Amino acid sequence: MAGKVRYELLQNEYIEWALMNKHQRAIAGLPSSDRQWAEIKGITDRAIRKWKQNPDFIAKMENRRKEVMLALPGATALPTQAAVAQKLSADADKNEHEAVKAKLIERAMAGDRASAELYFKTYGKQFVDEEVASRKSDFRDLDIEALYERVLALVPVEAIQAELEKRQAPTE
């Protein structure tokens, strides 16, 4: 629990730091990059990269950004055209990426060698890691007798007897 609270505090601190421009950081004597900030705080920059991919963190950062922007003189709560365009652009980019990936998979499955090679060059490691994880099993090299022995060793005798009795009982 203490680790979670520490991470939340670090995230809040990071957000405040990230919302400063480089001149504010320089005047305050603060680090100028994520890596330097992480090093000073005793965490890895990988943790920051993970935060930046977390939807909750992204929302928290965006909310704080809005608060800061609304505190400026002349600020308005209405979204600017640039903000709306940026959001639409980001959504369009994501949809376009998914469409391209789907088309690439479709062509690879149809036998197009270049598409298959491109897919595996782009997504191969992720795909292979997922496949290995899904196929990995402690039981893959055991024969049926060895599997029975393992199951019987793990399941209490009473549970096996109760199940056998249920199966042998006449059904009505």
C-alpha atoms as a PDB file:
ATOM      1  CA  MET A   1       0.000   0.000   0.000  1.00  0.00           C
ATOM      2  CA  ALA A   2       2.829   2.390   0.866  1.00  0.00           C
ATOM      3  CA  GLY A   3       4.415   1.747  -2.539  1.00  0.00           C
ATOM      4  CA  LYS A   4       1.164   2.666  -4.289  1.00  0.00           C
ATOM      5  CA  VAL A   5       0.882   5.907  -2.338  1.00  0.00           C
ATOM      6  CA  ARG A   6       4.525   6.705  -3.110  1.00  0.00           C
ATOM      7  CA  TYR A   7       3.916   6.120  -6.831  1.00  0.00           C
ATOM      8  CA  GLU A   8       0.821   8.345  -6.773  1.00  0.00           C
ATOM      9  CA  LEU A   9       2.812  11.096  -5.094  1.00  0.00           C
ATOM     10  CA  LEU A  10       5.619  10.676  -7.613  1.00  0.00           C
ATOM     11  CA  GLN A  11       3.100  10.796 -10.457  1.00  0.00           C
ATOM     12  CA  ASN A  12       1.588  14.007  -9.105  1.00  0.00           C
ATOM     13  CA  GLU A  13       5.035  15.504  -8.697  1.00  0.00           C
ATOM     14  CA  TYR A  14       5.987  14.417 -12.209  1.00  0.00           C
ATOM     15  CA  ILE A  15       2.844  15.990 -13.653  1.00  0.00           C
ATOM     16  CA  GLU A  16       3.635  19.321 -12.007  1.00  0.00           C
ATOM     17  CA  TRP A  17       7.208  19.129 -13.326  1.00  0.00           C
ATOM     18  CA  ALA A  18       6.104  18.077 -16.820  1.00  0.00           C
ATOM     19  CA  LEU A  19       3.689  20.988 -17.106  1.00  0.00           C
ATOM     20  CA  MET A  20       6.511  23.492 -16.570  1.00  0.00           C
ATOM     21  CA  ASN A  21       8.237  24.852 -19.644  1.00  0.00           C
ATOM     22  CA  LYS A  22      12.003  24.455 -20.018  1.00  0.00           C
ATOM     23  CA  HIS A  23      12.666  28.034 -18.862  1.00  0.00           C
ATOM     24  CA  GLN A  24      10.706  27.524 -15.623  1.00  0.00           C
ATOM     25  CA  ARG A  25      12.626  24.303 -14.979  1.00  0.00           C
ATOM     26  CA  ALA A  26      15.975  25.993 -15.629  1.00  0.00           C
ATOM     27  CA  ILE A  27      15.183  28.905 -13.288  1.00  0.00           C
ATOM     28  CA  ALA A  28      14.039  26.503 -10.560  1.00  0.00           C
ATOM     29  CA  GLY A  29      17.129  24.318 -11.053  1.00  0.00           C
ATOM     30  CA  LEU A  30      15.026  21.294 -11.946  1.00  0.00           C
ATOM     31  CA  PRO A  31      16.033  18.481 -14.314  1.00  0.00           C
ATOM     32  CA  SER A  32      15.450  19.068 -17.989  1.00  0.00           C
ATOM     33  CA  SER A  33      14.525  15.535 -19.134  1.00  0.00           C
ATOM     34  CA  ASP A  34      12.377  12.610 -18.025  1.00  0.00           C
ATOM     35  CA  ARG A  35      15.483  10.485 -17.556  1.00  0.00           C
ATOM     36  CA  GLN A  36      17.134  13.055 -15.272  1.00  0.00           C
ATOM     37  CA  TRP A  37      13.910  13.542 -13.298  1.00  0.00           C
ATOM     38  CA  ALA A  38      13.517   9.777 -12.837  1.00  0.00           C
ATOM     39  CA  GLU A  39      17.137   9.387 -11.757  1.00  0.00           C
ATOM     40  CA  ILE A  40      16.785  12.101  -9.110  1.00  0.00           C
ATOM     41  CA  LYS A  41      13.572  10.513  -7.795  1.00  0.00           C
ATOM     42  CA  GLY A  42      15.122   7.049  -7.646  1.00  0.00           C
ATOM     43  CA  ILE A  43      12.961   5.422 -10.298  1.00  0.00           C
ATOM     44  CA  THR A  44      13.653   4.340 -13.866  1.00  0.00           C
ATOM     45  CA  ASP A  45      12.607   6.302 -16.913  1.00  0.00           C
ATOM     46  CA  ARG A  46      10.802   3.118 -17.964  1.00  0.00           C
ATOM     47  CA  ALA A  47       8.360   3.725 -15.101  1.00  0.00           C
ATOM     48  CA  ILE A  48       7.586   7.139 -16.578  1.00  0.00           C
ATOM     49  CA  ARG A  49       7.054   5.610 -20.022  1.00  0.00           C
ATOM     50  CA  LYS A  50       4.601   3.136 -18.464  1.00  0.00           C
ATOM     51  CA  TRP A  51       2.780   5.993 -16.732  1.00  0.00           C
ATOM     52  CA  LYS A  52       2.458   7.804 -20.045  1.00  0.00           C
ATOM     53  CA  GLN A  53       0.699   4.740 -21.502  1.00  0.00           C
ATOM     54  CA  ASN A  54      -1.690   4.344 -18.561  1.00  0.00           C
ATOM     55  CA  PRO A  55      -5.131   5.855 -19.373  1.00  0.00           C
ATOM     56  CA  ASP A  56      -5.697   6.900 -15.736  1.00  0.00           C
ATOM     57  CA  PHE A  57      -2.382   8.752 -15.642  1.00  0.00           C
ATOM     58  CA  ILE A  58      -3.067  10.373 -19.014  1.00  0.00           C
ATOM     59  CA  ALA A  59      -6.468  11.578 -17.753  1.00  0.00           C
ATOM     60  CA  LYS A  60      -4.923  12.867 -14.524  1.00  0.00           C
ATOM     61  CA  MET A  61      -2.275  14.765 -16.468  1.00  0.00           C
ATOM     62  CA  GLU A  62      -4.825  16.199 -18.890  1.00  0.00           C
ATOM     63  CA  ASN A  63      -7.070  17.325 -16.026  1.00  0.00           C
ATOM     64  CA  ARG A  64      -4.166  19.051 -14.323  1.00  0.00           C
ATOM     65  CA  ARG A  65      -3.153  20.666 -17.620  1.00  0.00           C
ATOM     66  CA  LYS A  66      -6.685  22.067 -17.963  1.00  0.00           C
ATOM     67  CA  GLU A  67      -6.583  23.390 -14.397  1.00  0.00           C
ATOM     68  CA  VAL A  68      -3.292  25.148 -15.093  1.00  0.00           C
ATOM     69  CA  MET A  69      -4.555  26.571 -18.365  1.00  0.00           C
ATOM     70  CA  LEU A  70      -7.798  27.809 -16.787  1.00  0.00           C
ATOM     71  CA  ALA A  71      -5.777  29.621 -14.119  1.00  0.00           C
ATOM     72  CA  LEU A  72      -4.144  31.806 -16.800  1.00  0.00           C
ATOM     73  CA  PRO A  73      -5.601  35.289 -17.415  1.00  0.00           C
ATOM     74  CA  GLY A  74      -8.210  35.253 -20.175  1.00  0.00           C
ATOM     75  CA  ALA A  75      -8.600  31.458 -20.043  1.00  0.00           C
ATOM     76  CA  THR A  76     -11.863  29.850 -21.060  1.00  0.00           C
ATOM     77  CA  ALA A  77     -13.264  26.418 -20.295  1.00  0.00           C
ATOM     78  CA  LEU A  78     -14.398  26.001 -23.890  1.00  0.00           C
ATOM     79  CA  PRO A  79     -12.215  23.714 -25.969  1.00  0.00           C
ATOM     80  CA  THR A  80     -10.177  25.514 -28.578  1.00  0.00           C
ATOM     81  CA  GLN A  81     -10.385  24.534 -32.208  1.00  0.00           C
ATOM     82  CA  ALA A  82      -6.781  23.352 -32.005  1.00  0.00           C
ATOM     83  CA  ALA A  83      -7.567  21.045 -29.055  1.00  0.00           C
ATOM     84  CA  VAL A  84     -10.585  19.575 -30.819  1.00  0.00           C
ATOM     85  CA  ALA A  85      -8.586  19.097 -34.032  1.00  0.00           C
ATOM     86  CA  GLN A  86      -5.740  17.455 -32.082  1.00  0.00           C
ATOM     87  CA  LYS A  87      -8.143  15.007 -30.400  1.00  0.00           C
ATOM     88  CA  LEU A  88      -9.803  14.151 -33.712  1.00  0.00           C
ATOM     89  CA  SER A  89      -6.396  13.736 -35.344  1.00  0.00           C
ATOM     90  CA  ALA A  90      -5.197  11.382 -32.586  1.00  0.00           C
ATOM     91  CA  ASP A  91      -8.368   9.271 -32.887  1.00  0.00           C
ATOM     92  CA  ALA A  92      -8.054   9.195 -36.670  1.00  0.00           C
ATOM     93  CA  ASP A  93      -4.392   8.145 -36.420  1.00  0.00           C
ATOM     94  CA  LYS A  94      -5.285   5.293 -34.066  1.00  0.00           C
ATOM     95  CA  ASN A  95      -8.138   4.128 -36.303  1.00  0.00           C
ATOM     96  CA  GLU A  96      -5.930   4.396 -39.375  1.00  0.00           C
ATOM     97  CA  HIS A  97      -3.200   2.364 -37.667  1.00  0.00           C
ATOM     98  CA  GLU A  98      -5.690  -0.369 -36.744  1.00  0.00           C
ATOM     99  CA  ALA A  99      -7.063  -0.401 -40.299  1.00  0.00           C
ATOM    100  CA  VAL A 100      -3.572  -0.706 -41.795  1.00  0.00           C
ATOM    101  CA  LYS A 101      -2.687  -3.490 -39.357  1.00  0.00           C
ATOM    102  CA  ALA A 102      -5.922  -5.349 -40.172  1.00  0.00           C
ATOM    103  CA  LYS A 103      -5.271  -5.057 -43.919  1.00  0.00           C
ATOM    104  CA  LEU A 104      -1.705  -6.260 -43.427  1.00  0.00           C
ATOM    105  CA  ILE A 105      -2.942  -9.312 -41.510  1.00  0.00           C
ATOM    106  CA  GLU A 106      -5.608  -9.976 -44.138  1.00  0.00           C
ATOM    107  CA  ARG A 107      -3.058  -9.909 -46.953  1.00  0.00           C
ATOM    108  CA  ALA A 108      -0.573 -12.034 -44.980  1.00  0.00           C
ATOM    109  CA  MET A 109      -3.290 -14.632 -44.276  1.00  0.00           C
ATOM    110  CA  ALA A 110      -4.120 -14.654 -48.005  1.00  0.00           C
ATOM    111  CA  GLY A 111      -0.553 -15.745 -48.704  1.00  0.00           C
ATOM    112  CA  ASP A 112       1.163 -12.455 -49.571  1.00  0.00           C
ATOM    113  CA  ARG A 113       4.743 -13.111 -48.473  1.00  0.00           C
ATOM    114  CA  ALA A 114       5.782  -9.424 -48.354  1.00  0.00           C
ATOM    115  CA  SER A 115       2.835  -8.616 -46.058  1.00  0.00           C
ATOM    116  CA  ALA A 116       3.700 -11.537 -43.786  1.00  0.00           C
ATOM    117  CA  GLU A 117       7.331 -10.437 -43.572  1.00  0.00           C
ATOM    118  CA  LEU A 118       6.338  -6.842 -42.858  1.00  0.00           C
ATOM    119  CA  TYR A 119       3.881  -7.972 -40.189  1.00  0.00           C
ATOM    120  CA  PHE A 120       6.462 -10.092 -38.407  1.00  0.00           C
ATOM    121  CA  LYS A 121       9.112  -7.388 -38.664  1.00  0.00           C
ATOM    122  CA  THR A 122       6.684  -4.889 -37.149  1.00  0.00           C
ATOM    123  CA  TYR A 123       4.721  -6.996 -34.662  1.00  0.00           C
ATOM    124  CA  GLY A 124       6.689 -10.242 -34.579  1.00  0.00           C
ATOM    125  CA  LYS A 125       8.193 -10.134 -31.119  1.00  0.00           C
ATOM    126  CA  GLN A 126       4.877  -9.205 -29.521  1.00  0.00           C
ATOM    127  CA  PHE A 127       3.108 -11.955 -31.479  1.00  0.00           C
ATOM    128  CA  VAL A 128       5.725 -14.591 -30.662  1.00  0.00           C
ATOM    129  CA  ASP A 129       5.745 -13.640 -26.965  1.00  0.00           C
ATOM    130  CA  GLU A 130       1.946 -13.951 -26.825  1.00  0.00           C
ATOM    131  CA  GLU A 131       1.988 -17.283 -28.646  1.00  0.00           C
ATOM    132  CA  VAL A 132       4.708 -18.696 -26.406  1.00  0.00           C
ATOM    133  CA  ALA A 133       2.816 -17.616 -23.309  1.00  0.00           C
ATOM    134  CA  SER A 134      -0.453 -19.096 -24.560  1.00  0.00           C
ATOM    135  CA  ARG A 135       1.125 -22.427 -25.530  1.00  0.00           C
ATOM    136  CA  LYS A 136       3.425 -22.830 -22.574  1.00  0.00           C
ATOM    137  CA  SER A 137       2.354 -25.609 -20.269  1.00  0.00           C
ATOM    138  CA  ASP A 138       3.961 -27.764 -17.634  1.00  0.00           C
ATOM    139  CA  PHE A 139       2.042 -30.737 -19.065  1.00  0.00           C
ATOM    140  CA  ARG A 140       3.016 -30.619 -22.741  1.00  0.00           C
ATOM    141  CA  ASP A 141       5.726 -33.298 -22.452  1.00  0.00           C
ATOM    142  CA  LEU A 142       3.820 -35.733 -20.217  1.00  0.00           C
ATOM    143  CA  ASP A 143       2.008 -38.817 -21.435  1.00  0.00           C
ATOM    144  CA  ILE A 144      -1.548 -39.546 -20.271  1.00  0.00           C
ATOM    145  CA  GLU A 145      -0.464 -41.819 -17.424  1.00  0.00           C
ATOM    146  CA  ALA A 146       1.892 -39.168 -16.047  1.00  0.00           C
ATOM    147  CA  LEU A 147      -0.903 -36.574 -16.289  1.00  0.00           C
ATOM    148  CA  TYR A 148      -3.257 -38.855 -14.329  1.00  0.00           C
ATOM    149  CA  GLU A 149      -0.611 -39.296 -11.645  1.00  0.00           C
ATOM    150  CA  ARG A 150      -0.113 -35.519 -11.327  1.00  0.00           C
ATOM    151  CA  VAL A 151      -3.847 -34.831 -11.131  1.00  0.00           C
ATOM    152  CA  LEU A 152      -4.418 -37.613  -8.600  1.00  0.00           C
ATOM    153  CA  ALA A 153      -1.564 -36.303  -6.481  1.00  0.00           C
ATOM    154  CA  LEU A 154      -3.095 -32.811  -6.446  1.00  0.00           C
ATOM    155  CA  VAL A 155      -6.775 -33.643  -5.899  1.00  0.00           C
ATOM    156  CA  PRO A 156      -7.906 -34.920  -2.471  1.00  0.00           C
ATOM    157  CA  VAL A 157      -9.151 -38.515  -2.444  1.00  0.00           C
ATOM    158  CA  GLU A 158     -12.482 -37.427  -0.929  1.00  0.00           C
ATOM    159  CA  ALA A 159     -13.130 -35.084  -3.861  1.00  0.00           C
ATOM    160  CA  ILE A 160     -12.393 -37.843  -6.367  1.00  0.00           C
ATOM    161  CA  GLN A 161     -14.689 -40.274  -4.520  1.00  0.00           C
ATOM    162  CA  ALA A 162     -17.498 -37.709  -4.338  1.00  0.00           C
ATOM    163  CA  GLU A 163     -17.220 -36.992  -8.074  1.00  0.00           C
ATOM    164  CA  LEU A 164     -17.237 -40.709  -8.935  1.00  0.00           C
ATOM    165  CA  GLU A 165     -20.310 -41.271  -6.756  1.00  0.00           C
ATOM    166  CA  LYS A 166     -22.124 -38.402  -8.485  1.00  0.00           C
ATOM    167  CA  ARG A 167     -21.323 -39.863 -11.876  1.00  0.00           C
ATOM    168  CA  GLN A 168     -22.394 -43.401 -10.909  1.00  0.00           C
ATOM    169  CA  ALA A 169     -25.659 -42.294  -9.340  1.00  0.00           C
ATOM    170  CA  PRO A 170     -28.666 -42.998 -11.557  1.00  0.00           C
ATOM    171  CA  THR A 171     -30.027 -39.908 -13.257  1.00  0.00           C
ATOM    172  CA  GLU A 172     -33.715 -39.168 -12.936  1.00  0.00           C
END
